[in-house]
């Protein structure tokens, strides 16, 4: 039927003066198209589904995964399941992890894992590789309110890693207690590394609801180490009335600000109740402050 862009709008010609790559997709009367894409979202393989071919054959291999130096990759968790009884377009994305992480024990967080389960694994020093968007709230998917001081506690020498890749981790917390509270608390020799993935485009969205006292995304306590890798993005959403109670992090429960750290960009919109934090330079923070930075 013609060529369409990523928004499925028909494209008759490329505008004059265009200086960017253009990806067009074939459109058919049967609209079901499978696409395998690279980390940039560019199609490396596509196939039109017909009425007689609505499931990926069990004996058919996927296209070769693009290689990236220093990383080990695989197609997203459960990709074959996504290609059974197809009734809409399907896009299969790659998931990469650092070679140094690949041989360690790690858990691939697919769409069946809740945010609560993911955080519980982090508390036990696991390496998490996200393979799908995950949305959830507190432990066992219950809202956090009342007596819980921290949600994810990394300590006792645990070395936890969360590689969000190009997916979204969205968590909602209902904090209505009259005491300060942290999402991540790292202390007692614990180390937490958060990564946006191979090209640093993962996003963690945190929703704070019903805020009555200060809440923090991180607290780095005695002996704790937090590593934020370049390209990771955080979005903190909160009631506009709580703008004076929302903080990025604290050190030993004393409020600090990411504005004080080179290479971390902070954008605040207090009217809408959003704080966006973009990590431009890999930054390691301990209870004594920044100990190392890497471009």
Protein backbone atom coordinates (compact mmCIF):
# COMPACT_ATOMS: atom_id res chain seq x y z
CA UNK A 1 0.00 0.00 0.00
CA UNK A 2 3.02 2.25 0.25
CA UNK A 3 5.71 3.46 2.63
CA UNK A 4 4.97 4.85 6.11
CA UNK A 5 7.04 6.47 8.88
CA UNK A 6 7.30 5.42 12.52
CA UNK A 7 3.91 7.03 13.18
CA UNK A 8 2.33 4.94 10.38
CA UNK A 9 1.76 8.10 8.31
CA UNK A 10 2.15 7.60 4.57
CA UNK A 11 5.33 9.10 3.08
CA UNK A 12 5.40 10.01 -0.58
CA UNK A 13 8.83 11.66 -0.64
CA UNK A 14 11.71 12.71 1.61
CA UNK A 15 11.59 16.48 2.27
CA UNK A 16 14.29 18.56 0.64
CA UNK A 17 17.01 19.69 3.02
CA UNK A 18 16.77 16.62 5.24
CA UNK A 19 20.05 15.89 7.06
CA UNK A 20 19.03 12.94 9.22
CA UNK A 21 18.62 9.23 8.58
CA UNK A 22 15.12 8.29 7.52
CA UNK A 23 13.57 4.88 8.21
CA UNK A 24 10.43 3.95 6.28
CA UNK A 25 8.30 0.85 6.74
CA UNK A 26 6.34 -1.09 4.16
CA UNK A 27 2.57 -1.07 4.71
CA UNK A 28 0.24 -3.84 3.59
CA UNK A 29 -3.44 -4.63 3.59
CA UNK A 30 -2.62 -7.09 6.33
CA UNK A 31 -1.12 -4.63 8.86
CA UNK A 32 0.78 -7.12 11.00
CA UNK A 33 4.51 -6.56 10.68
CA UNK A 34 7.31 -8.02 12.79
CA UNK A 35 10.42 -5.93 13.21
CA UNK A 36 13.75 -6.76 14.84
CA UNK A 37 15.53 -3.50 15.63
CA UNK A 38 18.91 -2.42 16.97
CA UNK A 39 19.51 -0.28 20.07
CA UNK A 40 18.80 2.84 18.02
CA UNK A 41 15.45 1.48 16.93
CA UNK A 42 16.57 1.03 13.34
CA UNK A 43 15.07 -2.02 11.63
CA UNK A 44 17.54 -4.79 10.85
CA UNK A 45 14.88 -7.32 9.82
CA UNK A 46 11.19 -7.04 9.03
CA UNK A 47 8.55 -9.44 7.79
CA UNK A 48 4.93 -9.02 6.82
CA UNK A 49 2.52 -11.46 8.47
CA UNK A 50 -0.12 -13.14 6.34
CA UNK A 51 -3.22 -15.00 7.43
CA UNK A 52 -1.32 -18.25 6.96
CA UNK A 53 1.76 -17.13 8.90
CA UNK A 54 0.76 -15.65 12.26
CA UNK A 55 3.35 -17.36 14.46
CA UNK A 56 7.14 -17.45 14.32
CA UNK A 57 8.14 -21.03 13.44
CA UNK A 58 9.76 -22.90 16.32
CA UNK A 59 12.64 -24.05 14.12
CA UNK A 60 13.34 -20.59 12.68
CA UNK A 61 16.24 -18.64 14.15
CA UNK A 62 16.00 -14.88 14.76
CA UNK A 63 18.27 -12.52 12.81
CA UNK A 64 21.81 -12.08 14.07
CA UNK A 65 22.11 -9.65 16.94
CA UNK A 66 24.30 -6.60 16.17
CA UNK A 67 27.60 -6.85 18.02
CA UNK A 68 28.77 -4.04 20.30
CA UNK A 69 32.30 -4.01 21.69
CA UNK A 70 32.44 -4.68 25.42
CA UNK A 71 28.87 -5.98 25.64
CA UNK A 72 27.08 -9.32 25.44
CA UNK A 73 23.60 -9.22 23.96
CA UNK A 74 20.48 -11.25 23.35
CA UNK A 75 17.01 -10.60 22.00
CA UNK A 76 14.59 -9.47 24.69
CA UNK A 77 13.23 -12.03 27.12
CA UNK A 78 10.23 -13.95 25.81
CA UNK A 79 10.50 -12.73 22.22
CA UNK A 80 9.16 -16.00 20.81
CA UNK A 81 6.07 -15.74 23.00
CA UNK A 82 5.42 -12.25 21.62
CA UNK A 83 5.36 -13.77 18.13
CA UNK A 84 2.62 -16.31 18.80
CA UNK A 85 -0.90 -15.59 17.55
CA UNK A 86 0.10 -12.13 16.39
CA UNK A 87 -2.76 -9.66 16.04
CA UNK A 88 -0.79 -6.40 15.78
CA UNK A 89 2.64 -5.11 14.82
CA UNK A 90 5.44 -6.50 16.99
CA UNK A 91 8.87 -4.96 17.61
CA UNK A 92 11.62 -7.09 19.13
CA UNK A 93 14.43 -5.18 20.82
CA UNK A 94 17.93 -6.27 21.89
CA UNK A 95 19.14 -6.37 25.48
CA UNK A 96 22.85 -5.92 26.24
CA UNK A 97 24.96 -6.28 29.36
CA UNK A 98 28.59 -5.47 30.04
CA UNK A 99 30.95 -8.39 29.42
CA UNK A 100 32.23 -8.02 32.98
CA UNK A 101 28.66 -8.51 34.23
CA UNK A 102 27.70 -11.30 31.81
CA UNK A 103 29.50 -14.05 33.73
CA UNK A 104 28.10 -12.98 37.06
CA UNK A 105 24.81 -14.20 38.45
CA UNK A 106 22.14 -12.00 36.96
CA UNK A 107 18.38 -11.93 36.61
CA UNK A 108 16.58 -10.82 33.47
CA UNK A 109 13.55 -8.80 34.55
CA UNK A 110 10.88 -9.59 31.99
CA UNK A 111 7.30 -8.38 31.91
CA UNK A 112 6.28 -10.96 34.52
CA UNK A 113 8.46 -9.43 37.22
CA UNK A 114 6.98 -6.73 39.42
CA UNK A 115 8.89 -3.67 40.54
CA UNK A 116 8.65 -4.99 44.09
CA UNK A 117 10.35 -8.27 43.15
CA UNK A 118 13.05 -6.40 41.28
CA UNK A 119 13.90 -4.26 44.32
CA UNK A 120 13.96 -7.32 46.58
CA UNK A 121 16.59 -8.89 44.33
CA UNK A 122 18.65 -5.69 44.50
CA UNK A 123 18.53 -5.86 48.29
CA UNK A 124 20.20 -9.25 48.04
CA UNK A 125 23.07 -8.05 45.89
CA UNK A 126 21.81 -9.32 42.54
CA UNK A 127 22.58 -8.07 39.06
CA UNK A 128 19.35 -7.14 37.27
CA UNK A 129 19.16 -6.86 33.48
CA UNK A 130 15.84 -5.40 32.41
CA UNK A 131 14.27 -7.02 29.38
CA UNK A 132 10.91 -5.26 29.41
CA UNK A 133 9.11 -2.22 30.78
CA UNK A 134 8.16 -2.73 34.42
CA UNK A 135 5.54 -0.86 36.41
CA UNK A 136 4.77 -1.38 40.07
CA UNK A 137 4.61 0.10 43.54
CA UNK A 138 5.79 -0.98 46.97
CA UNK A 139 6.70 -4.39 48.34
CA UNK A 140 4.34 -7.06 47.03
CA UNK A 141 2.90 -4.25 44.92
CA UNK A 142 1.39 -2.51 47.93
CA UNK A 143 1.71 1.21 48.50
CA UNK A 144 4.35 2.32 50.96
CA UNK A 145 2.91 4.24 53.88
CA UNK A 146 3.52 4.44 57.60
CA UNK A 147 6.45 2.82 59.35
CA UNK A 148 8.75 1.62 56.56
CA UNK A 149 11.88 3.81 56.55
CA UNK A 150 13.46 2.60 53.30
CA UNK A 151 12.23 0.59 50.35
CA UNK A 152 15.43 -0.91 48.93
CA UNK A 153 18.29 -1.38 51.40
CA UNK A 154 21.65 -2.35 49.90
CA UNK A 155 24.20 -3.16 52.59
CA UNK A 156 26.30 -5.86 54.26
CA UNK A 157 28.77 -5.86 51.39
CA UNK A 158 26.14 -6.48 48.72
CA UNK A 159 27.10 -5.39 45.21
CA UNK A 160 23.87 -4.76 43.32
CA UNK A 161 23.48 -3.67 39.72
CA UNK A 162 20.40 -2.55 37.82
CA UNK A 163 20.77 -2.23 34.05
CA UNK A 164 17.57 -0.58 32.81
CA UNK A 165 18.58 -0.68 29.12
CA UNK A 166 16.16 1.17 26.85
CA UNK A 167 13.16 0.31 28.99
CA UNK A 168 11.16 2.14 31.65
CA UNK A 169 11.03 1.24 35.32
CA UNK A 170 8.05 3.02 36.85
CA UNK A 171 7.31 2.89 40.59
CA UNK A 172 4.61 4.59 42.65
CA UNK A 173 4.96 5.19 46.39
CA UNK A 174 2.26 6.49 48.72
CA UNK A 175 4.27 8.11 51.50
CA UNK A 176 1.99 9.63 54.12
CA UNK A 177 4.05 9.11 57.26
CA UNK A 178 5.50 11.97 59.30
CA UNK A 179 9.09 10.80 58.87
CA UNK A 180 11.68 11.06 56.10
CA UNK A 181 11.92 8.13 53.71
CA UNK A 182 14.24 6.84 50.96
CA UNK A 183 13.70 4.67 47.90
CA UNK A 184 17.32 3.45 47.93
CA UNK A 185 19.40 3.32 51.10
CA UNK A 186 23.01 2.21 50.56
CA UNK A 187 25.25 1.67 53.59
CA UNK A 188 27.39 -0.84 55.53
CA UNK A 189 29.67 -1.69 52.62
CA UNK A 190 26.85 -1.94 50.12
CA UNK A 191 27.33 -0.82 46.52
CA UNK A 192 24.55 -0.01 44.07
CA UNK A 193 25.24 0.58 40.36
CA UNK A 194 22.48 1.92 38.14
CA UNK A 195 22.88 1.91 34.37
CA UNK A 196 20.78 3.18 31.49
CA UNK A 197 22.06 0.35 29.29
CA UNK A 198 24.44 0.03 26.39
CA UNK A 199 23.70 3.49 25.02
CA UNK A 200 22.47 4.97 28.28
CA UNK A 201 18.83 5.50 27.43
CA UNK A 202 17.02 3.79 30.30
CA UNK A 203 14.61 5.78 32.45
CA UNK A 204 13.43 5.26 36.01
CA UNK A 205 10.19 7.06 36.84
CA UNK A 206 9.27 7.49 40.51
CA UNK A 207 5.85 8.75 41.55
CA UNK A 208 5.53 10.07 45.12
CA UNK A 209 1.94 10.46 46.30
CA UNK A 210 0.41 12.00 49.42
CA UNK A 211 3.73 13.40 50.67
CA UNK A 212 3.73 14.69 54.26
CA UNK A 213 7.44 14.63 55.12
CA UNK A 214 10.75 14.65 53.19
CA UNK A 215 11.33 11.86 50.68
CA UNK A 216 14.57 11.03 48.86
CA UNK A 217 15.48 8.94 45.85
CA UNK A 218 18.79 7.93 47.45
CA UNK A 219 20.51 8.01 50.82
CA UNK A 220 24.21 7.08 50.94
CA UNK A 221 25.06 6.02 54.47
CA UNK A 222 28.26 4.95 56.22
CA UNK A 223 30.32 2.68 53.96
CA UNK A 224 27.85 2.97 51.09
CA UNK A 225 28.71 3.54 47.41
CA UNK A 226 26.37 4.69 44.66
CA UNK A 227 27.45 4.51 41.00
CA UNK A 228 25.32 6.30 38.40
CA UNK A 229 26.40 5.47 34.87
CA UNK A 230 26.26 8.02 32.08
CA UNK A 231 22.99 8.34 30.21
CA UNK A 232 20.68 7.15 32.97
CA UNK A 233 17.59 9.33 33.49
CA UNK A 234 15.38 9.68 36.56
CA UNK A 235 12.00 11.37 36.61
CA UNK A 236 10.51 12.18 40.01
CA UNK A 237 6.81 13.07 39.96
CA UNK A 238 5.17 14.50 43.05
CA UNK A 239 2.22 16.64 44.17
CA UNK A 240 3.05 20.27 43.42
CA UNK A 241 2.18 21.12 47.03
CA UNK A 242 5.11 18.93 48.18
CA UNK A 243 7.82 20.74 46.21
CA UNK A 244 9.78 21.58 49.39
CA UNK A 245 9.79 17.94 50.55
CA UNK A 246 11.21 16.16 47.47
CA UNK A 247 14.97 15.55 47.16
CA UNK A 248 17.27 13.64 44.85
CA UNK A 249 19.51 12.28 47.56
CA UNK A 250 21.08 12.63 50.97
CA UNK A 251 24.40 11.59 52.49
CA UNK A 252 24.03 10.15 55.97
CA UNK A 253 20.51 11.60 56.03
CA UNK A 254 21.82 15.11 55.36
CA UNK A 255 20.26 16.62 52.25
CA UNK A 256 22.51 17.08 49.24
CA UNK A 257 21.71 18.04 45.66
CA UNK A 258 22.69 16.61 42.31
CA UNK A 259 23.10 20.24 41.23
CA UNK A 260 26.38 20.19 43.16
CA UNK A 261 27.86 17.45 40.97
CA UNK A 262 29.39 18.19 37.57
CA UNK A 263 27.95 16.14 34.73
CA UNK A 264 24.51 15.61 36.28
CA UNK A 265 21.75 17.74 34.78
CA UNK A 266 18.72 18.62 36.92
CA UNK A 267 15.56 20.21 35.54
CA UNK A 268 12.77 21.16 37.95
CA UNK A 269 9.21 22.04 37.08
CA UNK A 270 7.61 22.75 40.45
CA UNK A 271 4.34 23.80 38.82
CA UNK A 272 3.81 20.36 37.31
CA UNK A 273 5.64 18.58 40.11
CA UNK A 274 8.43 16.96 38.08
CA UNK A 275 12.17 16.71 38.65
CA UNK A 276 14.19 15.28 35.77
CA UNK A 277 17.73 14.12 36.50
CA UNK A 278 19.99 13.16 33.57
CA UNK A 279 23.36 11.57 34.33
CA UNK A 280 25.79 12.81 31.68
CA UNK A 281 29.01 11.57 33.28
CA UNK A 282 29.44 8.32 35.21
CA UNK A 283 29.63 9.42 38.83
CA UNK A 284 30.56 7.48 41.96
CA UNK A 285 29.30 8.91 45.25
CA UNK A 286 30.22 7.69 48.72
CA UNK A 287 29.46 9.02 52.18
CA UNK A 288 32.50 11.26 51.68
CA UNK A 289 31.21 12.69 48.42
CA UNK A 290 32.32 12.12 44.84
CA UNK A 291 35.31 9.79 44.61
CA UNK A 292 35.57 9.30 40.86
CA UNK A 293 34.09 10.43 37.57
CA UNK A 294 34.35 8.91 34.14
CA UNK A 295 33.23 10.37 30.83
